[in-house]
């Protein structure tokens, strides 16, 4: 996801639609380190796995829709960007809920 974010930033700055590709890049680059951190701490953080799954899928759908709009001229599927954005918000809420639950014993 980090590599996709960098590639999308490069595409946006070299003649692509900066609004569309830049937004996709930002979401990928913002969530890549979070997904890595959730993976590294999943044994100690109760909601890490579910949060990472929802965040990752939401980011893929959101960014995928923007990339599809730019390169293919059409949506990934109807309401893909809002579905992906909602998934990212839900993923963050799942991660936040982990702050209020007991830490797992290893």
N, C-alpha and C. Protein backbone atom coordinates (compact mmCIF):
# COMPACT_ATOMS: atom_id res chain seq x y z
N UNK A 1 0.82 -1.18 0.00
CA UNK A 1 0.00 0.00 0.00
C UNK A 1 0.88 1.25 0.00
N UNK A 2 1.98 1.20 0.70
CA UNK A 2 2.90 2.32 0.69
C UNK A 2 3.49 2.56 -0.69
N UNK A 3 3.86 1.47 -1.34
CA UNK A 3 4.42 1.59 -2.70
C UNK A 3 3.37 2.15 -3.66
N UNK A 4 2.12 1.72 -3.50
CA UNK A 4 1.05 2.25 -4.35
C UNK A 4 0.87 3.74 -4.11
N UNK A 5 0.97 4.16 -2.86
CA UNK A 5 0.84 5.58 -2.54
C UNK A 5 1.92 6.42 -3.19
N UNK A 6 3.15 5.92 -3.15
CA UNK A 6 4.26 6.64 -3.79
C UNK A 6 4.07 6.67 -5.30
N UNK A 7 3.68 5.54 -5.88
CA UNK A 7 3.46 5.48 -7.33
C UNK A 7 2.33 6.43 -7.75
N UNK A 8 1.28 6.49 -6.97
CA UNK A 8 0.17 7.39 -7.29
C UNK A 8 0.58 8.85 -7.15
N UNK A 9 1.41 9.16 -6.17
CA UNK A 9 1.91 10.54 -6.03
C UNK A 9 2.76 10.91 -7.24
N UNK A 10 3.58 9.99 -7.68
CA UNK A 10 4.41 10.25 -8.87
C UNK A 10 3.53 10.44 -10.09
N UNK A 11 2.51 9.60 -10.25
CA UNK A 11 1.61 9.72 -11.40
C UNK A 11 0.87 11.06 -11.36
N UNK A 12 0.47 11.48 -10.17
CA UNK A 12 -0.24 12.76 -10.04
C UNK A 12 0.66 13.94 -10.38
N UNK A 13 1.92 13.85 -10.01
CA UNK A 13 2.82 14.98 -10.26
C UNK A 13 3.41 15.00 -11.66
N UNK A 14 3.24 13.91 -12.40
CA UNK A 14 3.78 13.85 -13.76
C UNK A 14 2.68 13.83 -14.80
N UNK A 15 1.70 14.68 -14.61
CA UNK A 15 0.69 14.85 -15.65
C UNK A 15 -0.64 14.21 -15.38
N UNK A 16 -0.80 13.52 -14.27
CA UNK A 16 -2.10 12.93 -13.96
C UNK A 16 -3.00 13.95 -13.27
N UNK A 17 -4.21 13.58 -13.02
CA UNK A 17 -5.15 14.43 -12.32
C UNK A 17 -4.74 14.49 -10.86
N UNK A 18 -4.20 15.63 -10.45
CA UNK A 18 -3.65 15.73 -9.08
C UNK A 18 -4.72 15.60 -8.01
N UNK A 19 -5.93 16.04 -8.28
CA UNK A 19 -6.99 15.93 -7.28
C UNK A 19 -7.37 14.47 -7.05
N UNK A 20 -7.55 13.74 -8.11
CA UNK A 20 -7.98 12.34 -7.99
C UNK A 20 -6.83 11.45 -7.53
N UNK A 21 -5.73 11.47 -8.26
CA UNK A 21 -4.61 10.59 -7.92
C UNK A 21 -3.95 11.02 -6.61
N UNK A 22 -3.93 12.32 -6.35
CA UNK A 22 -3.37 12.81 -5.10
C UNK A 22 -4.16 12.33 -3.89
N UNK A 23 -5.48 12.31 -4.01
CA UNK A 23 -6.32 11.80 -2.91
C UNK A 23 -6.10 10.31 -2.69
N UNK A 24 -6.01 9.56 -3.77
CA UNK A 24 -5.75 8.12 -3.65
C UNK A 24 -4.38 7.89 -3.01
N UNK A 25 -3.39 8.67 -3.43
CA UNK A 25 -2.05 8.57 -2.86
C UNK A 25 -2.05 8.87 -1.37
N UNK A 26 -2.73 9.93 -0.99
CA UNK A 26 -2.78 10.32 0.42
C UNK A 26 -3.38 9.24 1.29
N UNK A 27 -4.47 8.64 0.84
CA UNK A 27 -5.11 7.59 1.64
C UNK A 27 -4.20 6.37 1.77
N UNK A 28 -3.54 6.00 0.68
CA UNK A 28 -2.62 4.85 0.74
C UNK A 28 -1.44 5.14 1.66
N UNK A 29 -0.86 6.32 1.52
CA UNK A 29 0.31 6.66 2.34
C UNK A 29 -0.07 6.87 3.81
N UNK A 30 -1.28 7.33 4.09
CA UNK A 30 -1.71 7.52 5.47
C UNK A 30 -1.97 6.19 6.17
N UNK A 31 -2.49 5.22 5.43
CA UNK A 31 -2.88 3.96 6.06
C UNK A 31 -1.79 2.89 6.05
N UNK A 32 -0.83 2.99 5.17
CA UNK A 32 0.23 1.97 5.12
C UNK A 32 0.98 1.82 6.45
N UNK A 33 1.46 2.91 7.07
CA UNK A 33 2.16 2.72 8.34
C UNK A 33 1.25 2.25 9.47
N UNK A 34 -0.02 2.63 9.41
CA UNK A 34 -0.98 2.17 10.43
C UNK A 34 -1.16 0.67 10.31
N UNK A 35 -1.29 0.18 9.09
CA UNK A 35 -1.45 -1.27 8.89
C UNK A 35 -0.21 -2.02 9.37
N UNK A 36 0.96 -1.47 9.12
CA UNK A 36 2.19 -2.08 9.61
C UNK A 36 2.21 -2.11 11.13
N UNK A 37 1.85 -1.00 11.76
CA UNK A 37 1.83 -0.94 13.22
C UNK A 37 0.81 -1.91 13.81
N UNK A 38 -0.36 -2.01 13.19
CA UNK A 38 -1.37 -2.95 13.67
C UNK A 38 -0.88 -4.39 13.53
N UNK A 39 -0.19 -4.68 12.45
CA UNK A 39 0.37 -6.03 12.30
C UNK A 39 1.40 -6.31 13.40
N UNK A 40 2.29 -5.37 13.62
CA UNK A 40 3.34 -5.57 14.62
C UNK A 40 2.79 -5.70 16.04
N UNK A 41 1.67 -5.03 16.31
CA UNK A 41 1.12 -5.08 17.66
C UNK A 41 -0.11 -5.94 17.82
N UNK A 42 -0.43 -6.75 16.83
CA UNK A 42 -1.70 -7.48 16.87
C UNK A 42 -1.82 -8.45 18.04
N UNK A 43 -0.72 -8.92 18.57
CA UNK A 43 -0.80 -9.87 19.70
C UNK A 43 -1.12 -9.17 21.02
N UNK A 44 -0.95 -7.87 21.04
CA UNK A 44 -1.16 -7.12 22.27
C UNK A 44 -2.36 -6.17 22.18
N UNK A 45 -2.98 -6.13 21.04
CA UNK A 45 -4.04 -5.16 20.79
C UNK A 45 -5.26 -5.89 20.25
N UNK A 46 -6.28 -5.98 21.06
CA UNK A 46 -7.43 -6.85 20.79
C UNK A 46 -8.10 -6.59 19.43
N UNK A 47 -8.25 -5.37 19.02
CA UNK A 47 -8.98 -5.08 17.78
C UNK A 47 -8.07 -4.84 16.58
N UNK A 48 -6.80 -5.14 16.73
CA UNK A 48 -5.84 -4.83 15.66
C UNK A 48 -6.15 -5.58 14.36
N UNK A 49 -6.43 -6.85 14.44
CA UNK A 49 -6.64 -7.63 13.22
C UNK A 49 -7.89 -7.19 12.47
N UNK A 50 -8.99 -7.07 13.18
CA UNK A 50 -10.23 -6.64 12.54
C UNK A 50 -10.10 -5.20 12.03
N UNK A 51 -9.52 -4.34 12.83
CA UNK A 51 -9.32 -2.94 12.41
C UNK A 51 -8.47 -2.85 11.16
N UNK A 52 -7.38 -3.61 11.13
CA UNK A 52 -6.49 -3.59 9.96
C UNK A 52 -7.21 -4.11 8.72
N UNK A 53 -7.98 -5.15 8.88
CA UNK A 53 -8.72 -5.71 7.74
C UNK A 53 -9.71 -4.70 7.17
N UNK A 54 -10.47 -4.07 8.04
CA UNK A 54 -11.47 -3.10 7.59
C UNK A 54 -10.80 -1.85 7.01
N UNK A 55 -9.76 -1.36 7.69
CA UNK A 55 -9.01 -0.20 7.16
C UNK A 55 -8.39 -0.50 5.81
N UNK A 56 -7.75 -1.65 5.70
CA UNK A 56 -7.08 -2.02 4.45
C UNK A 56 -8.06 -2.17 3.29
N UNK A 57 -9.14 -2.88 3.53
CA UNK A 57 -10.14 -3.06 2.47
C UNK A 57 -10.80 -1.74 2.09
N UNK A 58 -11.11 -0.92 3.08
CA UNK A 58 -11.69 0.39 2.80
C UNK A 58 -10.76 1.25 1.96
N UNK A 59 -9.49 1.23 2.30
CA UNK A 59 -8.51 2.02 1.54
C UNK A 59 -8.37 1.51 0.13
N UNK A 60 -8.33 0.20 -0.04
CA UNK A 60 -8.21 -0.39 -1.37
C UNK A 60 -9.42 -0.02 -2.24
N UNK A 61 -10.61 -0.11 -1.68
CA UNK A 61 -11.82 0.21 -2.45
C UNK A 61 -11.86 1.71 -2.79
N UNK A 62 -11.55 2.56 -1.80
CA UNK A 62 -11.58 4.00 -2.03
C UNK A 62 -10.55 4.41 -3.08
N UNK A 63 -9.30 4.03 -2.86
CA UNK A 63 -8.24 4.40 -3.81
C UNK A 63 -8.47 3.73 -5.16
N UNK A 64 -8.92 2.49 -5.14
CA UNK A 64 -9.20 1.78 -6.38
C UNK A 64 -10.27 2.47 -7.21
N UNK A 65 -11.28 3.02 -6.56
CA UNK A 65 -12.31 3.75 -7.29
C UNK A 65 -11.74 5.01 -7.93
N UNK A 66 -10.91 5.73 -7.19
CA UNK A 66 -10.32 6.95 -7.75
C UNK A 66 -9.39 6.63 -8.92
N UNK A 67 -8.61 5.58 -8.79
CA UNK A 67 -7.71 5.17 -9.87
C UNK A 67 -8.52 4.71 -11.09
N UNK A 68 -9.60 3.98 -10.85
CA UNK A 68 -10.47 3.54 -11.93
C UNK A 68 -11.10 4.74 -12.65
N UNK A 69 -11.54 5.73 -11.89
CA UNK A 69 -12.12 6.93 -12.51
C UNK A 69 -11.09 7.65 -13.39
N UNK A 70 -9.84 7.69 -12.91
CA UNK A 70 -8.81 8.40 -13.67
C UNK A 70 -8.40 7.63 -14.92
N UNK A 71 -8.06 6.37 -14.77
CA UNK A 71 -7.49 5.62 -15.88
C UNK A 71 -8.53 4.96 -16.79
N UNK A 72 -9.67 4.57 -16.23
CA UNK A 72 -10.69 3.89 -17.03
C UNK A 72 -11.86 4.80 -17.39
N UNK A 73 -11.94 5.95 -16.71
CA UNK A 73 -13.02 6.88 -16.99
C UNK A 73 -14.35 6.50 -16.38
N UNK A 74 -14.36 5.54 -15.47
CA UNK A 74 -15.61 5.11 -14.84
C UNK A 74 -15.33 4.60 -13.44
N UNK A 75 -16.38 4.51 -12.64
CA UNK A 75 -16.27 4.03 -11.26
C UNK A 75 -15.89 2.55 -11.21
N UNK A 76 -15.33 2.17 -10.09
CA UNK A 76 -15.04 0.76 -9.84
C UNK A 76 -16.35 -0.02 -9.77
N UNK A 77 -17.29 0.49 -9.01
CA UNK A 77 -18.67 0.01 -8.95
C UNK A 77 -19.48 1.16 -8.32
N UNK A 78 -20.80 1.17 -8.45
CA UNK A 78 -21.59 2.27 -7.91
C UNK A 78 -21.34 2.47 -6.41
N UNK A 79 -21.09 3.70 -6.03
CA UNK A 79 -20.85 4.10 -4.64
C UNK A 79 -19.58 3.50 -4.04
N UNK A 80 -18.62 3.15 -4.87
CA UNK A 80 -17.38 2.54 -4.36
C UNK A 80 -16.62 3.48 -3.43
N UNK A 81 -16.45 4.73 -3.83
CA UNK A 81 -15.69 5.67 -2.99
C UNK A 81 -16.37 5.88 -1.63
N UNK A 82 -17.68 6.11 -1.58
CA UNK A 82 -18.31 6.24 -0.27
C UNK A 82 -18.25 4.95 0.57
N UNK A 83 -18.36 3.81 -0.09
CA UNK A 83 -18.25 2.54 0.63
C UNK A 83 -16.84 2.39 1.21
N UNK A 84 -15.83 2.70 0.40
CA UNK A 84 -14.45 2.62 0.88
C UNK A 84 -14.18 3.62 1.99
N UNK A 85 -14.68 4.85 1.83
CA UNK A 85 -14.50 5.86 2.87
C UNK A 85 -15.18 5.48 4.17
N UNK A 86 -16.37 4.92 4.06
CA UNK A 86 -17.08 4.45 5.25
C UNK A 86 -16.31 3.31 5.90
N UNK A 87 -15.74 2.43 5.08
CA UNK A 87 -14.93 1.35 5.62
C UNK A 87 -13.71 1.86 6.38
N UNK A 88 -13.07 2.90 5.84
CA UNK A 88 -11.92 3.48 6.54
C UNK A 88 -12.35 4.08 7.87
N UNK A 89 -13.48 4.81 7.88
CA UNK A 89 -13.95 5.39 9.14
C UNK A 89 -14.30 4.30 10.15
N UNK A 90 -14.98 3.26 9.69
CA UNK A 90 -15.32 2.14 10.56
C UNK A 90 -14.06 1.46 11.09
N UNK A 91 -13.07 1.30 10.23
CA UNK A 91 -11.80 0.70 10.66
C UNK A 91 -11.14 1.50 11.77
N UNK A 92 -11.16 2.83 11.63
CA UNK A 92 -10.58 3.68 12.68
C UNK A 92 -11.37 3.56 13.98
N UNK A 93 -12.68 3.44 13.88
CA UNK A 93 -13.49 3.26 15.09
C UNK A 93 -13.20 1.93 15.76
N UNK A 94 -12.97 0.91 14.96
CA UNK A 94 -12.61 -0.41 15.51
C UNK A 94 -11.26 -0.32 16.23
N UNK A 95 -10.31 0.36 15.61
CA UNK A 95 -9.00 0.54 16.24
C UNK A 95 -9.16 1.33 17.54
N UNK A 96 -9.96 2.39 17.51
CA UNK A 96 -10.16 3.20 18.71
C UNK A 96 -10.82 2.39 19.82
N UNK A 97 -11.74 1.49 19.45
CA UNK A 97 -12.39 0.65 20.46
C UNK A 97 -11.36 -0.22 21.19
N UNK A 98 -10.29 -0.55 20.51
CA UNK A 98 -9.24 -1.34 21.15
C UNK A 98 -8.58 -0.62 22.31
N UNK A 99 -8.64 0.69 22.30
CA UNK A 99 -8.05 1.47 23.40
C UNK A 99 -8.84 1.27 24.69
N UNK A 100 -10.10 0.83 24.57
CA UNK A 100 -10.94 0.66 25.75
C UNK A 100 -11.11 -0.80 26.16
N UNK A 101 -10.40 -1.69 25.50
CA UNK A 101 -10.51 -3.10 25.86
C UNK A 101 -9.20 -3.56 26.49
N UNK A 102 -9.31 -4.64 27.25
CA UNK A 102 -8.13 -5.18 27.93
C UNK A 102 -7.08 -5.64 26.93
N UNK A 103 -5.84 -5.51 27.31
CA UNK A 103 -4.73 -5.99 26.49
C UNK A 103 -4.68 -7.49 26.59
N UNK A 104 -4.44 -8.14 25.47
CA UNK A 104 -4.32 -9.61 25.44
C UNK A 104 -3.07 -10.06 26.17
N UNK A 105 -3.18 -11.18 26.81
CA UNK A 105 -2.01 -11.81 27.41
C UNK A 105 -1.31 -12.64 26.34
N UNK A 106 0.00 -12.56 26.28
CA UNK A 106 0.75 -13.31 25.27
C UNK A 106 1.31 -14.57 25.85
